[in-house]
C-alpha atoms as a PDB file:
ATOM      1  CA  UNK A   1     193.704 166.621 113.491  1.00  0.00           C
ATOM      2  CA  UNK A   2     192.560 168.857 116.315  1.00  0.00           C
ATOM      3  CA  UNK A   3     194.732 169.024 119.427  1.00  0.00           C
ATOM      4  CA  UNK A   4     193.973 170.391 122.890  1.00  0.00           C
ATOM      5  CA  UNK A   5     196.642 171.821 125.183  1.00  0.00           C
ATOM      6  CA  UNK A   6     195.984 172.718 128.832  1.00  0.00           C
ATOM      7  CA  UNK A   7     197.927 175.258 130.868  1.00  0.00           C
ATOM      8  CA  UNK A   8     197.628 177.259 134.085  1.00  0.00           C
ATOM      9  CA  UNK A   9     197.993 174.547 136.690  1.00  0.00           C
ATOM     10  CA  UNK A  10     200.235 174.872 139.715  1.00  0.00           C
ATOM     11  CA  UNK A  11     200.501 174.977 143.498  1.00  0.00           C
ATOM     12  CA  UNK A  12     198.035 177.104 145.448  1.00  0.00           C
ATOM     13  CA  UNK A  13     197.001 177.460 149.105  1.00  0.00           C
ATOM     14  CA  UNK A  14     193.481 176.606 150.315  1.00  0.00           C
ATOM     15  CA  UNK A  15     191.113 179.458 149.545  1.00  0.00           C
ATOM     16  CA  UNK A  16     193.226 180.609 146.628  1.00  0.00           C
ATOM     17  CA  UNK A  17     192.351 180.931 142.940  1.00  0.00           C
ATOM     18  CA  UNK A  18     193.647 179.574 139.658  1.00  0.00           C
ATOM     19  CA  UNK A  19     192.590 179.844 136.011  1.00  0.00           C
ATOM     20  CA  UNK A  20     193.100 176.975 133.601  1.00  0.00           C
ATOM     21  CA  UNK A  21     193.236 177.405 129.826  1.00  0.00           C
ATOM     22  CA  UNK A  22     192.692 174.924 127.004  1.00  0.00           C
ATOM     23  CA  UNK A  23     193.934 176.004 123.590  1.00  0.00           C
ATOM     24  CA  UNK A  24     192.599 174.172 120.525  1.00  0.00           C
ATOM     25  CA  UNK A  25     194.530 173.872 117.267  1.00  0.00           C
ATOM     26  CA  UNK A  26     191.328 174.394 115.285  1.00  0.00           C
ATOM     27  CA  UNK A  27     188.048 176.262 115.628  1.00  0.00           C
ATOM     28  CA  UNK A  28     186.130 175.319 118.767  1.00  0.00           C
ATOM     29  CA  UNK A  29     182.957 176.130 116.837  1.00  0.00           C
ATOM     30  CA  UNK A  30     183.307 172.603 115.437  1.00  0.00           C
ATOM     31  CA  UNK A  31     182.561 171.152 118.887  1.00  0.00           C
ATOM     32  CA  UNK A  32     179.089 170.357 120.171  1.00  0.00           C
ATOM     33  CA  UNK A  33     180.436 170.577 123.711  1.00  0.00           C
ATOM     34  CA  UNK A  34     183.632 171.090 125.657  1.00  0.00           C
ATOM     35  CA  UNK A  35     184.342 170.241 129.248  1.00  0.00           C
ATOM     36  CA  UNK A  36     186.808 169.920 132.084  1.00  0.00           C
ATOM     37  CA  UNK A  37     187.492 166.599 133.792  1.00  0.00           C
ATOM     38  CA  UNK A  38     189.759 165.850 136.724  1.00  0.00           C
ATOM     39  CA  UNK A  39     191.367 162.795 138.236  1.00  0.00           C
ATOM     40  CA  UNK A  40     192.535 162.794 141.842  1.00  0.00           C
ATOM     41  CA  UNK A  41     194.908 160.197 143.332  1.00  0.00           C
ATOM     42  CA  UNK A  42     193.103 156.905 143.889  1.00  0.00           C
ATOM     43  CA  UNK A  43     189.916 158.090 142.190  1.00  0.00           C
ATOM     44  CA  UNK A  44     188.289 157.749 138.775  1.00  0.00           C
ATOM     45  CA  UNK A  45     188.192 160.582 136.301  1.00  0.00           C
ATOM     46  CA  UNK A  46     185.127 162.777 136.828  1.00  0.00           C
ATOM     47  CA  UNK A  47     183.379 165.554 134.939  1.00  0.00           C
ATOM     48  CA  UNK A  48     183.862 168.956 136.561  1.00  0.00           C
ATOM     49  CA  UNK A  49     182.030 171.266 134.158  1.00  0.00           C
ATOM     50  CA  UNK A  50     180.822 171.414 130.574  1.00  0.00           C
ATOM     51  CA  UNK A  51     179.593 174.020 128.108  1.00  0.00           C
ATOM     52  CA  UNK A  52     177.675 173.317 124.887  1.00  0.00           C
ATOM     53  CA  UNK A  53     177.792 175.154 121.579  1.00  0.00           C
ATOM     54  CA  UNK A  54     174.513 176.810 122.567  1.00  0.00           C
ATOM     55  CA  UNK A  55     175.930 178.109 125.838  1.00  0.00           C
ATOM     56  CA  UNK A  56     174.305 175.620 128.202  1.00  0.00           C
ATOM     57  CA  UNK A  57     176.495 175.034 131.278  1.00  0.00           C
ATOM     58  CA  UNK A  58     176.570 172.285 133.884  1.00  0.00           C
ATOM     59  CA  UNK A  59     178.735 171.888 136.995  1.00  0.00           C
ATOM     60  CA  UNK A  60     179.449 168.999 139.293  1.00  0.00           C
ATOM     61  CA  UNK A  61     177.968 169.570 142.758  1.00  0.00           C
ATOM     62  CA  UNK A  62     181.333 169.832 144.585  1.00  0.00           C
ATOM     63  CA  UNK A  63     182.398 172.842 142.496  1.00  0.00           C
ATOM     64  CA  UNK A  64     179.124 174.754 142.152  1.00  0.00           C
ATOM     65  CA  UNK A  65     179.505 178.354 143.249  1.00  0.00           C
ATOM     66  CA  UNK A  66     183.293 178.157 143.144  1.00  0.00           C
ATOM     67  CA  UNK A  67     184.240 177.274 139.549  1.00  0.00           C
ATOM     68  CA  UNK A  68     183.268 179.007 136.306  1.00  0.00           C
ATOM     69  CA  UNK A  69     183.619 177.541 132.812  1.00  0.00           C
ATOM     70  CA  UNK A  70     183.781 179.831 129.780  1.00  0.00           C
ATOM     71  CA  UNK A  71     185.097 179.983 126.225  1.00  0.00           C
ATOM     72  CA  UNK A  72     186.501 182.482 123.760  1.00  0.00           C
ATOM     73  CA  UNK A  73     185.594 181.434 120.219  1.00  0.00           C
ATOM     74  CA  UNK A  74     187.892 184.014 118.614  1.00  0.00           C
ATOM     75  CA  UNK A  75     190.874 182.608 120.522  1.00  0.00           C
ATOM     76  CA  UNK A  76     189.744 178.973 120.231  1.00  0.00           C
ATOM     77  CA  UNK A  77     190.233 178.637 123.965  1.00  0.00           C
ATOM     78  CA  UNK A  78     188.285 177.110 126.859  1.00  0.00           C
ATOM     79  CA  UNK A  79     188.759 178.375 130.431  1.00  0.00           C
ATOM     80  CA  UNK A  80     188.092 177.185 133.961  1.00  0.00           C
ATOM     81  CA  UNK A  81     188.219 179.822 136.694  1.00  0.00           C
ATOM     82  CA  UNK A  82     188.669 178.141 140.073  1.00  0.00           C
ATOM     83  CA  UNK A  83     188.048 180.111 143.269  1.00  0.00           C
ATOM     84  CA  UNK A  84     187.960 179.177 146.957  1.00  0.00           C
ATOM     85  CA  UNK A  85     190.066 176.110 146.240  1.00  0.00           C
ATOM     86  CA  UNK A  86     189.981 173.207 148.675  1.00  0.00           C
ATOM     87  CA  UNK A  87     192.389 170.372 149.398  1.00  0.00           C
ATOM     88  CA  UNK A  88     190.028 167.938 147.673  1.00  0.00           C
ATOM     89  CA  UNK A  89     190.341 169.904 144.420  1.00  0.00           C
ATOM     90  CA  UNK A  90     193.859 168.535 144.010  1.00  0.00           C
ATOM     91  CA  UNK A  91     193.945 166.555 140.755  1.00  0.00           C
ATOM     92  CA  UNK A  92     195.131 166.457 137.184  1.00  0.00           C
ATOM     93  CA  UNK A  93     192.687 168.525 135.144  1.00  0.00           C
ATOM     94  CA  UNK A  94     191.892 167.591 131.551  1.00  0.00           C
ATOM     95  CA  UNK A  95     190.236 169.476 128.717  1.00  0.00           C
ATOM     96  CA  UNK A  96     187.883 167.435 126.511  1.00  0.00           C
ATOM     97  CA  UNK A  97     185.643 167.985 123.493  1.00  0.00           C
ATOM     98  CA  UNK A  98     183.108 166.225 121.279  1.00  0.00           C
ATOM     99  CA  UNK A  99     181.822 167.047 117.791  1.00  0.00           C
ATOM    100  CA  UNK A 100     178.185 166.052 118.384  1.00  0.00           C
ATOM    101  CA  UNK A 101     175.805 165.012 121.152  1.00  0.00           C
ATOM    102  CA  UNK A 102     175.800 161.485 119.724  1.00  0.00           C
ATOM    103  CA  UNK A 103     179.539 160.966 120.247  1.00  0.00           C
ATOM    104  CA  UNK A 104     181.821 160.489 123.225  1.00  0.00           C
ATOM    105  CA  UNK A 105     184.375 163.038 124.351  1.00  0.00           C
ATOM    106  CA  UNK A 106     186.970 161.812 121.893  1.00  0.00           C
ATOM    107  CA  UNK A 107     189.370 164.751 122.025  1.00  0.00           C
ATOM    108  CA  UNK A 108     191.594 165.136 125.092  1.00  0.00           C
ATOM    109  CA  UNK A 109     194.461 167.276 126.253  1.00  0.00           C
ATOM    110  CA  UNK A 110     197.479 165.967 128.155  1.00  0.00           C
ATOM    111  CA  UNK A 111     196.338 167.425 131.467  1.00  0.00           C
ATOM    112  CA  UNK A 112     197.648 170.012 133.903  1.00  0.00           C
ATOM    113  CA  UNK A 113     198.390 169.412 137.594  1.00  0.00           C
ATOM    114  CA  UNK A 114     196.545 171.429 140.237  1.00  0.00           C
ATOM    115  CA  UNK A 115     197.790 171.024 143.801  1.00  0.00           C
ATOM    116  CA  UNK A 116     196.040 172.681 146.744  1.00  0.00           C
ATOM    117  CA  UNK A 117     198.161 172.541 149.875  1.00  0.00           C
ATOM    118  CA  UNK A 118     198.865 174.571 153.006  1.00  0.00           C
END
C-alpha cells in the first residue's frame, strides 16, 4: 500500500523560509490530487494548498503569495515552499492524496512540525 512521509519541518524565525517534502512509496501519477494540510494548536485541520494531476493549483487565502506547492513526478515527491513565515503558520503539516475526484483524501503522512518563533 502507498505510504507518504513528510520531512523538512523545524524551527524558523518570522520572515524566514522553509521547504517541506512528501515522499511517496509509489508513483504519484496514480493520484488525482495531492495537498498539504495543517493543524495548529486548538484549531481544526485545514487545507493549505492542493495540486491536481492536470496541474491545477489552489491555495488557502492566508498563504497566497507566500507558499508554493509543486511536485516532481520522477522523484514521486510533493513539495511546499514556505516564504515570509508568520507566527500563525505554526502547525503540524500533513501531506495527503486521493486517487480520484470522487474520493476523500484517504492517504496521509504522519506530519512534520513547523514552528515560527522569535
